[in-house]
Amino acid sequence: MKKILLFALLVVGMTSCYNTTVCVGDMKPDDAAVEVNTVKSHHFIYGLVGNKKIEASKYVGGKTSYKVKYYHSFVDGLLDAITWGIYNPTTVTFYAPYDK
């Protein structure tokens, strides 16, 4: 039992927070932006198999400049841990430029 617990702690300790931001058009990473939409991206077998492509145009409302942030939320990581990597969701958030 101790070996299983140590292995589980080792696996959890070796994971990291996956977070990346992609800028499209004239948008820069430091530009002020407002969140316009959030969607879940479903992956399986430790993220190796995805179920579909996400079309950004459906979520940004016709904007040509925007940011897309991909990350694992706490709930995403919890679901991944509970299913031992069989189901691995990712949260995708879309940001549009902030207009005053």
PDB file of N, CA and C in Angstrom:
ATOM      1  N   MET A   1       0.820  -1.190   0.000  1.00  0.00           N
ATOM      2  CA  MET A   1       0.000   0.000   0.000  1.00  0.00           C
ATOM      3  C   MET A   1       0.866   1.255   0.000  1.00  0.00           C
ATOM      4  N   LYS A   2       1.965   1.230   0.743  1.00  0.00           N
ATOM      5  CA  LYS A   2       2.848   2.392   0.796  1.00  0.00           C
ATOM      6  C   LYS A   2       3.470   2.667  -0.565  1.00  0.00           C
ATOM      7  N   LYS A   3       3.797   1.604  -1.304  1.00  0.00           N
ATOM      8  CA  LYS A   3       4.393   1.785  -2.622  1.00  0.00           C
ATOM      9  C   LYS A   3       3.408   2.450  -3.576  1.00  0.00           C
ATOM     10  N   ILE A   4       2.138   2.073  -3.502  1.00  0.00           N
ATOM     11  CA  ILE A   4       1.119   2.678  -4.365  1.00  0.00           C
ATOM     12  C   ILE A   4       0.944   4.146  -4.016  1.00  0.00           C
ATOM     13  N   LEU A   5       0.912   4.467  -2.736  1.00  0.00           N
ATOM     14  CA  LEU A   5       0.772   5.845  -2.293  1.00  0.00           C
ATOM     15  C   LEU A   5       1.971   6.682  -2.719  1.00  0.00           C
ATOM     16  N   LEU A   6       3.169   6.136  -2.559  1.00  0.00           N
ATOM     17  CA  LEU A   6       4.374   6.853  -2.997  1.00  0.00           C
ATOM     18  C   LEU A   6       4.374   7.074  -4.503  1.00  0.00           C
ATOM     19  N   PHE A   7       3.940   6.065  -5.259  1.00  0.00           N
ATOM     20  CA  PHE A   7       3.858   6.203  -6.708  1.00  0.00           C
ATOM     21  C   PHE A   7       2.849   7.289  -7.090  1.00  0.00           C
ATOM     22  N   ALA A   8       1.697   7.303  -6.431  1.00  0.00           N
ATOM     23  CA  ALA A   8       0.674   8.311  -6.718  1.00  0.00           C
ATOM     24  C   ALA A   8       1.196   9.712  -6.396  1.00  0.00           C
ATOM     25  N   LEU A   9       1.882   9.871  -5.287  1.00  0.00           N
ATOM     26  CA  LEU A   9       2.459  11.164  -4.942  1.00  0.00           C
ATOM     27  C   LEU A   9       3.535  11.589  -5.929  1.00  0.00           C
ATOM     28  N   LEU A  10       4.313  10.637  -6.403  1.00  0.00           N
ATOM     29  CA  LEU A  10       5.339  10.931  -7.397  1.00  0.00           C
ATOM     30  C   LEU A  10       4.706  11.403  -8.708  1.00  0.00           C
ATOM     31  N   VAL A  11       3.663  10.719  -9.144  1.00  0.00           N
ATOM     32  CA  VAL A  11       2.980  11.099 -10.380  1.00  0.00           C
ATOM     33  C   VAL A  11       2.371  12.491 -10.254  1.00  0.00           C
ATOM     34  N   VAL A  12       1.705  12.769  -9.133  1.00  0.00           N
ATOM     35  CA  VAL A  12       1.110  14.088  -8.917  1.00  0.00           C
ATOM     36  C   VAL A  12       2.196  15.147  -8.818  1.00  0.00           C
ATOM     37  N   GLY A  13       3.292  14.832  -8.188  1.00  0.00           N
ATOM     38  CA  GLY A  13       4.382  15.791  -8.052  1.00  0.00           C
ATOM     39  C   GLY A  13       5.084  16.104  -9.355  1.00  0.00           C
ATOM     40  N   MET A  14       5.039  15.210 -10.307  1.00  0.00           N
ATOM     41  CA  MET A  14       5.710  15.430 -11.584  1.00  0.00           C
ATOM     42  C   MET A  14       4.842  16.179 -12.585  1.00  0.00           C
ATOM     43  N   THR A  15       3.575  16.389 -12.259  1.00  0.00           N
ATOM     44  CA  THR A  15       2.706  17.128 -13.173  1.00  0.00           C
ATOM     45  C   THR A  15       2.944  18.609 -13.002  1.00  0.00           C
ATOM     46  N   SER A  16       2.535  19.369 -13.975  1.00  0.00           N
ATOM     47  CA  SER A  16       2.680  20.816 -13.888  1.00  0.00           C
ATOM     48  C   SER A  16       1.417  21.472 -14.416  1.00  0.00           C
ATOM     49  N   CYS A  17       1.330  22.749 -14.208  1.00  0.00           N
ATOM     50  CA  CYS A  17       0.183  23.493 -14.699  1.00  0.00           C
ATOM     51  C   CYS A  17       0.423  23.837 -16.163  1.00  0.00           C
ATOM     52  N   TYR A  18      -0.388  23.273 -17.006  1.00  0.00           N
ATOM     53  CA  TYR A  18      -0.296  23.539 -18.440  1.00  0.00           C
ATOM     54  C   TYR A  18      -1.038  24.826 -18.709  1.00  0.00           C
ATOM     55  N   ASN A  19      -0.343  25.809 -19.290  1.00  0.00           N
ATOM     56  CA  ASN A  19      -0.947  27.095 -19.559  1.00  0.00           C
ATOM     57  C   ASN A  19      -0.238  27.722 -20.749  1.00  0.00           C
ATOM     58  N   THR A  20      -0.984  28.037 -21.790  1.00  0.00           N
ATOM     59  CA  THR A  20      -0.392  28.708 -22.935  1.00  0.00           C
ATOM     60  C   THR A  20      -1.388  29.690 -23.515  1.00  0.00           C
ATOM     61  N   THR A  21      -0.873  30.791 -24.056  1.00  0.00           N
ATOM     62  CA  THR A  21      -1.705  31.813 -24.668  1.00  0.00           C
ATOM     63  C   THR A  21      -1.251  32.027 -26.101  1.00  0.00           C
ATOM     64  N   VAL A  22      -2.207  32.038 -27.017  1.00  0.00           N
ATOM     65  CA  VAL A  22      -1.934  32.261 -28.436  1.00  0.00           C
ATOM     66  C   VAL A  22      -2.615  33.556 -28.846  1.00  0.00           C
ATOM     67  N   CYS A  23      -1.847  34.461 -29.454  1.00  0.00           N
ATOM     68  CA  CYS A  23      -2.395  35.735 -29.916  1.00  0.00           C
ATOM     69  C   CYS A  23      -2.627  35.675 -31.422  1.00  0.00           C
ATOM     70  N   VAL A  24      -3.779  36.179 -31.858  1.00  0.00           N
ATOM     71  CA  VAL A  24      -4.159  36.155 -33.270  1.00  0.00           C
ATOM     72  C   VAL A  24      -4.387  37.586 -33.735  1.00  0.00           C
ATOM     73  N   GLY A  25      -3.960  37.894 -34.941  1.00  0.00           N
ATOM     74  CA  GLY A  25      -4.141  39.238 -35.492  1.00  0.00           C
ATOM     75  C   GLY A  25      -3.170  40.218 -34.874  1.00  0.00           C
ATOM     76  N   ASP A  26      -3.667  41.427 -34.557  1.00  0.00           N
ATOM     77  CA  ASP A  26      -2.835  42.490 -33.989  1.00  0.00           C
ATOM     78  C   ASP A  26      -2.724  42.418 -32.469  1.00  0.00           C
ATOM     79  N   MET A  27      -3.312  41.445 -31.866  1.00  0.00           N
ATOM     80  CA  MET A  27      -3.322  41.307 -30.402  1.00  0.00           C
ATOM     81  C   MET A  27      -1.930  40.925 -29.897  1.00  0.00           C
ATOM     82  N   LYS A  28      -1.523  41.540 -28.787  1.00  0.00           N
ATOM     83  CA  LYS A  28      -0.248  41.221 -28.145  1.00  0.00           C
ATOM     84  C   LYS A  28      -0.544  40.633 -26.769  1.00  0.00           C
ATOM     85  N   PRO A  29       0.372  39.843 -26.217  1.00  0.00           N
ATOM     86  CA  PRO A  29       0.102  39.197 -24.919  1.00  0.00           C
ATOM     87  C   PRO A  29      -0.235  40.164 -23.790  1.00  0.00           C
ATOM     88  N   ASP A  30       0.344  41.361 -23.803  1.00  0.00           N
ATOM     89  CA  ASP A  30       0.123  42.312 -22.707  1.00  0.00           C
ATOM     90  C   ASP A  30      -1.023  43.279 -22.952  1.00  0.00           C
ATOM     91  N   ASP A  31      -1.695  43.193 -24.084  1.00  0.00           N
ATOM     92  CA  ASP A  31      -2.810  44.094 -24.384  1.00  0.00           C
ATOM     93  C   ASP A  31      -3.983  43.829 -23.448  1.00  0.00           C
ATOM     94  N   ALA A  32      -4.675  44.907 -23.091  1.00  0.00           N
ATOM     95  CA  ALA A  32      -5.871  44.769 -22.263  1.00  0.00           C
ATOM     96  C   ALA A  32      -6.935  44.014 -23.046  1.00  0.00           C
ATOM     97  N   ALA A  33      -7.561  43.053 -22.380  1.00  0.00           N
ATOM     98  CA  ALA A  33      -8.551  42.227 -23.065  1.00  0.00           C
ATOM     99  C   ALA A  33      -9.680  41.868 -22.115  1.00  0.00           C
ATOM    100  N   VAL A  34     -10.806  41.535 -22.704  1.00  0.00           N
ATOM    101  CA  VAL A  34     -11.969  41.121 -21.932  1.00  0.00           C
ATOM    102  C   VAL A  34     -12.344  39.701 -22.358  1.00  0.00           C
ATOM    103  N   GLU A  35     -12.703  38.866 -21.382  1.00  0.00           N
ATOM    104  CA  GLU A  35     -13.074  37.485 -21.678  1.00  0.00           C
ATOM    105  C   GLU A  35     -14.411  37.474 -22.411  1.00  0.00           C
ATOM    106  N   VAL A  36     -14.460  36.783 -23.547  1.00  0.00           N
ATOM    107  CA  VAL A  36     -15.704  36.733 -24.317  1.00  0.00           C
ATOM    108  C   VAL A  36     -16.360  35.356 -24.300  1.00  0.00           C
ATOM    109  N   ASN A  37     -15.598  34.297 -24.066  1.00  0.00           N
ATOM    110  CA  ASN A  37     -16.182  32.959 -24.070  1.00  0.00           C
ATOM    111  C   ASN A  37     -15.219  31.951 -23.457  1.00  0.00           C
ATOM    112  N   THR A  38     -15.768  30.868 -22.918  1.00  0.00           N
ATOM    113  CA  THR A  38     -14.986  29.763 -22.376  1.00  0.00           C
ATOM    114  C   THR A  38     -15.627  28.455 -22.817  1.00  0.00           C
ATOM    115  N   VAL A  39     -14.794  27.508 -23.207  1.00  0.00           N
ATOM    116  CA  VAL A  39     -15.287  26.212 -23.675  1.00  0.00           C
ATOM    117  C   VAL A  39     -14.346  25.119 -23.171  1.00  0.00           C
ATOM    118  N   LYS A  40     -14.879  23.916 -22.981  1.00  0.00           N
ATOM    119  CA  LYS A  40     -14.066  22.764 -22.575  1.00  0.00           C
ATOM    120  C   LYS A  40     -13.638  21.994 -23.817  1.00  0.00           C
ATOM    121  N   SER A  41     -12.401  21.577 -23.828  1.00  0.00           N
ATOM    122  CA  SER A  41     -11.867  20.723 -24.884  1.00  0.00           C
ATOM    123  C   SER A  41     -11.603  19.359 -24.258  1.00  0.00           C
ATOM    124  N   HIS A  42     -12.198  18.327 -24.824  1.00  0.00           N
ATOM    125  CA  HIS A  42     -12.125  16.995 -24.233  1.00  0.00           C
ATOM    126  C   HIS A  42     -11.036  16.161 -24.912  1.00  0.00           C
ATOM    127  N   HIS A  43     -10.164  15.592 -24.092  1.00  0.00           N
ATOM    128  CA  HIS A  43      -9.077  14.735 -24.574  1.00  0.00           C
ATOM    129  C   HIS A  43      -9.099  13.425 -23.797  1.00  0.00           C
ATOM    130  N   PHE A  44      -8.482  12.424 -24.379  1.00  0.00           N
ATOM    131  CA  PHE A  44      -8.453  11.112 -23.749  1.00  0.00           C
ATOM    132  C   PHE A  44      -7.037  10.546 -23.800  1.00  0.00           C
ATOM    133  N   ILE A  45      -6.745   9.570 -22.973  1.00  0.00           N
ATOM    134  CA  ILE A  45      -5.456   8.875 -22.885  1.00  0.00           C
ATOM    135  C   ILE A  45      -4.311   9.884 -22.727  1.00  0.00           C
ATOM    136  N   TYR A  46      -4.333  10.568 -21.581  1.00  0.00           N
ATOM    137  CA  TYR A  46      -3.304  11.554 -21.226  1.00  0.00           C
ATOM    138  C   TYR A  46      -3.175  12.686 -22.239  1.00  0.00           C
ATOM    139  N   GLY A  47      -4.263  13.028 -22.907  1.00  0.00           N
ATOM    140  CA  GLY A  47      -4.263  14.141 -23.850  1.00  0.00           C
ATOM    141  C   GLY A  47      -3.801  13.782 -25.247  1.00  0.00           C
ATOM    142  N   LEU A  48      -3.560  12.529 -25.516  1.00  0.00           N
ATOM    143  CA  LEU A  48      -3.069  12.125 -26.837  1.00  0.00           C
ATOM    144  C   LEU A  48      -4.165  12.097 -27.895  1.00  0.00           C
ATOM    145  N   VAL A  49      -5.400  11.861 -27.484  1.00  0.00           N
ATOM    146  CA  VAL A  49      -6.507  11.751 -28.429  1.00  0.00           C
ATOM    147  C   VAL A  49      -7.529  12.832 -28.098  1.00  0.00           C
ATOM    148  N   GLY A  50      -7.834  13.693 -29.070  1.00  0.00           N
ATOM    149  CA  GLY A  50      -8.841  14.730 -28.895  1.00  0.00           C
ATOM    150  C   GLY A  50     -10.087  14.370 -29.671  1.00  0.00           C
ATOM    151  N   ASN A  51     -11.209  14.974 -29.281  1.00  0.00           N
ATOM    152  CA  ASN A  51     -12.447  14.603 -29.949  1.00  0.00           C
ATOM    153  C   ASN A  51     -12.844  15.526 -31.086  1.00  0.00           C
ATOM    154  N   LYS A  52     -12.384  16.766 -31.107  1.00  0.00           N
ATOM    155  CA  LYS A  52     -12.735  17.679 -32.188  1.00  0.00           C
ATOM    156  C   LYS A  52     -11.840  18.912 -32.160  1.00  0.00           C
ATOM    157  N   LYS A  53     -11.880  19.659 -33.258  1.00  0.00           N
ATOM    158  CA  LYS A  53     -11.179  20.931 -33.322  1.00  0.00           C
ATOM    159  C   LYS A  53     -12.110  22.031 -32.831  1.00  0.00           C
ATOM    160  N   ILE A  54     -11.546  23.024 -32.205  1.00  0.00           N
ATOM    161  CA  ILE A  54     -12.333  24.165 -31.749  1.00  0.00           C
ATOM    162  C   ILE A  54     -12.180  25.284 -32.765  1.00  0.00           C
ATOM    163  N   GLU A  55     -13.282  25.719 -33.333  1.00  0.00           N
ATOM    164  CA  GLU A  55     -13.293  26.818 -34.302  1.00  0.00           C
ATOM    165  C   GLU A  55     -13.402  28.135 -33.533  1.00  0.00           C
ATOM    166  N   ALA A  56     -12.322  28.889 -33.477  1.00  0.00           N
ATOM    167  CA  ALA A  56     -12.294  30.128 -32.701  1.00  0.00           C
ATOM    168  C   ALA A  56     -13.303  31.143 -33.218  1.00  0.00           C
ATOM    169  N   SER A  57     -13.567  31.145 -34.507  1.00  0.00           N
ATOM    170  CA  SER A  57     -14.486  32.130 -35.077  1.00  0.00           C
ATOM    171  C   SER A  57     -15.887  32.034 -34.471  1.00  0.00           C
ATOM    172  N   LYS A  58     -16.276  30.865 -33.995  1.00  0.00           N
ATOM    173  CA  LYS A  58     -17.595  30.702 -33.380  1.00  0.00           C
ATOM    174  C   LYS A  58     -17.656  31.335 -31.998  1.00  0.00           C
ATOM    175  N   TYR A  59     -16.511  31.558 -31.361  1.00  0.00           N
ATOM    176  CA  TYR A  59     -16.492  32.004 -29.975  1.00  0.00           C
ATOM    177  C   TYR A  59     -16.047  33.446 -29.778  1.00  0.00           C
ATOM    178  N   VAL A  60     -15.506  34.105 -30.805  1.00  0.00           N
ATOM    179  CA  VAL A  60     -15.007  35.469 -30.640  1.00  0.00           C
ATOM    180  C   VAL A  60     -15.912  36.519 -31.284  1.00  0.00           C
ATOM    181  N   GLY A  61     -16.998  36.106 -31.847  1.00  0.00           N
ATOM    182  CA  GLY A  61     -17.967  37.060 -32.389  1.00  0.00           C
ATOM    183  C   GLY A  61     -17.486  37.843 -33.594  1.00  0.00           C
ATOM    184  N   GLY A  62     -16.755  37.216 -34.490  1.00  0.00           N
ATOM    185  CA  GLY A  62     -16.330  37.883 -35.717  1.00  0.00           C
ATOM    186  C   GLY A  62     -15.114  38.780 -35.578  1.00  0.00           C
ATOM    187  N   LYS A  63     -14.498  38.825 -34.430  1.00  0.00           N
ATOM    188  CA  LYS A  63     -13.285  39.648 -34.241  1.00  0.00           C
ATOM    189  C   LYS A  63     -12.125  39.044 -35.012  1.00  0.00           C
ATOM    190  N   THR A  64     -11.236  39.909 -35.515  1.00  0.00           N
ATOM    191  CA  THR A  64     -10.058  39.422 -36.237  1.00  0.00           C
ATOM    192  C   THR A  64      -8.816  39.393 -35.350  1.00  0.00           C
ATOM    193  N   SER A  65      -8.854  40.115 -34.229  1.00  0.00           N
ATOM    194  CA  SER A  65      -7.757  40.098 -33.263  1.00  0.00           C
ATOM    195  C   SER A  65      -8.293  39.591 -31.936  1.00  0.00           C
ATOM    196  N   TYR A  66      -7.639  38.572 -31.388  1.00  0.00           N
ATOM    197  CA  TYR A  66      -8.073  37.999 -30.120  1.00  0.00           C
ATOM    198  C   TYR A  66      -6.970  37.140 -29.535  1.00  0.00           C
ATOM    199  N   LYS A  67      -7.140  36.760 -28.258  1.00  0.00           N
ATOM    200  CA  LYS A  67      -6.215  35.860 -27.575  1.00  0.00           C
ATOM    201  C   LYS A  67      -6.976  34.594 -27.196  1.00  0.00           C
ATOM    202  N   VAL A  68      -6.262  33.478 -27.242  1.00  0.00           N
ATOM    203  CA  VAL A  68      -6.829  32.202 -26.817  1.00  0.00           C
ATOM    204  C   VAL A  68      -5.910  31.635 -25.739  1.00  0.00           C
ATOM    205  N   LYS A  69      -6.480  31.328 -24.577  1.00  0.00           N
ATOM    206  CA  LYS A  69      -5.705  30.774 -23.468  1.00  0.00           C
ATOM    207  C   LYS A  69      -6.160  29.341 -23.222  1.00  0.00           C
ATOM    208  N   TYR A  70      -5.209  28.406 -23.262  1.00  0.00           N
ATOM    209  CA  TYR A  70      -5.454  26.990 -22.979  1.00  0.00           C
ATOM    210  C   TYR A  70      -4.857  26.680 -21.616  1.00  0.00           C
ATOM    211  N   TYR A  71      -5.640  26.063 -20.742  1.00  0.00           N
ATOM    212  CA  TYR A  71      -5.099  25.707 -19.429  1.00  0.00           C
ATOM    213  C   TYR A  71      -5.905  24.583 -18.799  1.00  0.00           C
ATOM    214  N   HIS A  72      -5.310  23.970 -17.786  1.00  0.00           N
ATOM    215  CA  HIS A  72      -5.982  22.954 -16.985  1.00  0.00           C
ATOM    216  C   HIS A  72      -6.432  23.630 -15.690  1.00  0.00           C
ATOM    217  N   SER A  73      -7.732  23.696 -15.481  1.00  0.00           N
ATOM    218  CA  SER A  73      -8.246  24.238 -14.226  1.00  0.00           C
ATOM    219  C   SER A  73      -8.114  23.168 -13.139  1.00  0.00           C
ATOM    220  N   PHE A  74      -8.438  23.541 -11.909  1.00  0.00           N
ATOM    221  CA  PHE A  74      -8.372  22.579 -10.812  1.00  0.00           C
ATOM    222  C   PHE A  74      -9.302  21.400 -11.076  1.00  0.00           C
ATOM    223  N   VAL A  75     -10.507  21.693 -11.562  1.00  0.00           N
ATOM    224  CA  VAL A  75     -11.477  20.628 -11.852  1.00  0.00           C
ATOM    225  C   VAL A  75     -10.959  19.728 -12.969  1.00  0.00           C
ATOM    226  N   ASP A  76     -10.326  20.326 -13.985  1.00  0.00           N
ATOM    227  CA  ASP A  76      -9.741  19.520 -15.070  1.00  0.00           C
ATOM    228  C   ASP A  76      -8.695  18.555 -14.523  1.00  0.00           C
ATOM    229  N   GLY A  77      -7.825  19.062 -13.673  1.00  0.00           N
ATOM    230  CA  GLY A  77      -6.793  18.214 -13.079  1.00  0.00           C
ATOM    231  C   GLY A  77      -7.374  17.139 -12.178  1.00  0.00           C
ATOM    232  N   LEU A  78      -8.429  17.488 -11.451  1.00  0.00           N
ATOM    233  CA  LEU A  78      -9.083  16.518 -10.584  1.00  0.00           C
ATOM    234  C   LEU A  78      -9.703  15.382 -11.400  1.00  0.00           C
ATOM    235  N   LEU A  79     -10.393  15.732 -12.491  1.00  0.00           N
ATOM    236  CA  LEU A  79     -10.980  14.703 -13.354  1.00  0.00           C
ATOM    237  C   LEU A  79      -9.896  13.822 -13.976  1.00  0.00           C
ATOM    238  N   ASP A  80      -8.797  14.436 -14.354  1.00  0.00           N
ATOM    239  CA  ASP A  80      -7.676  13.676 -14.906  1.00  0.00           C
ATOM    240  C   ASP A  80      -7.127  12.693 -13.875  1.00  0.00           C
ATOM    241  N   ALA A  81      -6.985  13.155 -12.639  1.00  0.00           N
ATOM    242  CA  ALA A  81      -6.448  12.290 -11.584  1.00  0.00           C
ATOM    243  C   ALA A  81      -7.422  11.161 -11.231  1.00  0.00           C
ATOM    244  N   ILE A  82      -8.705  11.481 -11.160  1.00  0.00           N
ATOM    245  CA  ILE A  82      -9.707  10.466 -10.800  1.00  0.00           C
ATOM    246  C   ILE A  82      -9.763   9.352 -11.844  1.00  0.00           C
ATOM    247  N   THR A  83      -9.646   9.727 -13.128  1.00  0.00           N
ATOM    248  CA  THR A  83      -9.735   8.725 -14.205  1.00  0.00           C
ATOM    249  C   THR A  83      -8.373   8.161 -14.586  1.00  0.00           C
ATOM    250  N   TRP A  84      -7.338   8.502 -13.839  1.00  0.00           N
ATOM    251  CA  TRP A  84      -5.975   8.034 -14.099  1.00  0.00           C
ATOM    252  C   TRP A  84      -5.530   8.360 -15.528  1.00  0.00           C
ATOM    253  N   GLY A  85      -5.917   9.539 -16.038  1.00  0.00           N
ATOM    254  CA  GLY A  85      -5.461  10.001 -17.345  1.00  0.00           C
ATOM    255  C   GLY A  85      -6.279   9.532 -18.523  1.00  0.00           C
ATOM    256  N   ILE A  86      -7.312   8.750 -18.273  1.00  0.00           N
ATOM    257  CA  ILE A  86      -8.136   8.295 -19.394  1.00  0.00           C
ATOM    258  C   ILE A  86      -8.916   9.468 -19.977  1.00  0.00           C
ATOM    259  N   TYR A  87      -9.462  10.329 -19.114  1.00  0.00           N
ATOM    260  CA  TYR A  87     -10.168  11.545 -19.557  1.00  0.00           C
ATOM    261  C   TYR A  87      -9.364  12.737 -19.096  1.00  0.00           C
ATOM    262  N   ASN A  88      -9.013  13.635 -20.021  1.00  0.00           N
ATOM    263  CA  ASN A  88      -8.121  14.747 -19.731  1.00  0.00           C
ATOM    264  C   ASN A  88      -8.673  16.027 -20.349  1.00  0.00           C
ATOM    265  N   PRO A  89      -9.594  16.730 -19.662  1.00  0.00           N
ATOM    266  CA  PRO A  89     -10.176  17.945 -20.233  1.00  0.00           C
ATOM    267  C   PRO A  89      -9.228  19.132 -20.133  1.00  0.00           C
ATOM    268  N   THR A  90      -9.433  20.093 -21.009  1.00  0.00           N
ATOM    269  CA  THR A  90      -8.691  21.343 -21.009  1.00  0.00           C
ATOM    270  C   THR A  90      -9.693  22.481 -21.142  1.00  0.00           C
ATOM    271  N   THR A  91      -9.454  23.585 -20.444  1.00  0.00           N
ATOM    272  CA  THR A  91     -10.315  24.756 -20.549  1.00  0.00           C
ATOM    273  C   THR A  91      -9.697  25.715 -21.559  1.00  0.00           C
ATOM    274  N   VAL A  92     -10.522  26.211 -22.468  1.00  0.00           N
ATOM    275  CA  VAL A  92     -10.076  27.160 -23.489  1.00  0.00           C
ATOM    276  C   VAL A  92     -10.876  28.444 -23.307  1.00  0.00           C
ATOM    277  N   THR A  93     -10.178  29.572 -23.081  1.00  0.00           N
ATOM    278  CA  THR A  93     -10.831  30.855 -22.870  1.00  0.00           C
ATOM    279  C   THR A  93     -10.422  31.809 -23.979  1.00  0.00           C
ATOM    280  N   PHE A  94     -11.398  32.526 -24.515  1.00  0.00           N
ATOM    281  CA  PHE A  94     -11.173  33.479 -25.603  1.00  0.00           C
ATOM    282  C   PHE A  94     -11.286  34.895 -25.062  1.00  0.00           C
ATOM    283  N   TYR A  95     -10.342  35.765 -25.469  1.00  0.00           N
ATOM    284  CA  TYR A  95     -10.312  37.154 -25.043  1.00  0.00           C
ATOM    285  C   TYR A  95     -10.294  38.060 -26.267  1.00  0.00           C
ATOM    286  N   ALA A  96     -11.075  39.138 -26.214  1.00  0.00           N
ATOM    287  CA  ALA A  96     -11.105  40.136 -27.285  1.00  0.00           C
ATOM    288  C   ALA A  96     -10.474  41.416 -26.747  1.00  0.00           C
ATOM    289  N   PRO A  97      -9.961  42.281 -27.637  1.00  0.00           N
ATOM    290  CA  PRO A  97      -9.363  43.545 -27.181  1.00  0.00           C
ATOM    291  C   PRO A  97     -10.370  44.372 -26.396  1.00  0.00           C
ATOM    292  N   TYR A  98      -9.877  45.029 -25.365  1.00  0.00           N
ATOM    293  CA  TYR A  98     -10.733  45.892 -24.537  1.00  0.00           C
ATOM    294  C   TYR A  98     -10.875  47.223 -25.220  1.00  0.00           C
ATOM    295  N   ASP A  99     -12.092  47.595 -25.551  1.00  0.00           N
ATOM    296  CA  ASP A  99     -12.385  48.893 -26.176  1.00  0.00           C
ATOM    297  C   ASP A  99     -13.012  49.800 -25.141  1.00  0.00           C
ATOM    298  N   LYS A 100     -12.440  50.986 -24.988  1.00  0.00           N
ATOM    299  CA  LYS A 100     -12.951  51.957 -23.989  1.00  0.00           C
ATOM    300  C   LYS A 100     -14.231  52.591 -24.445  1.00  0.00           C
TER     301      LYS A 100
END
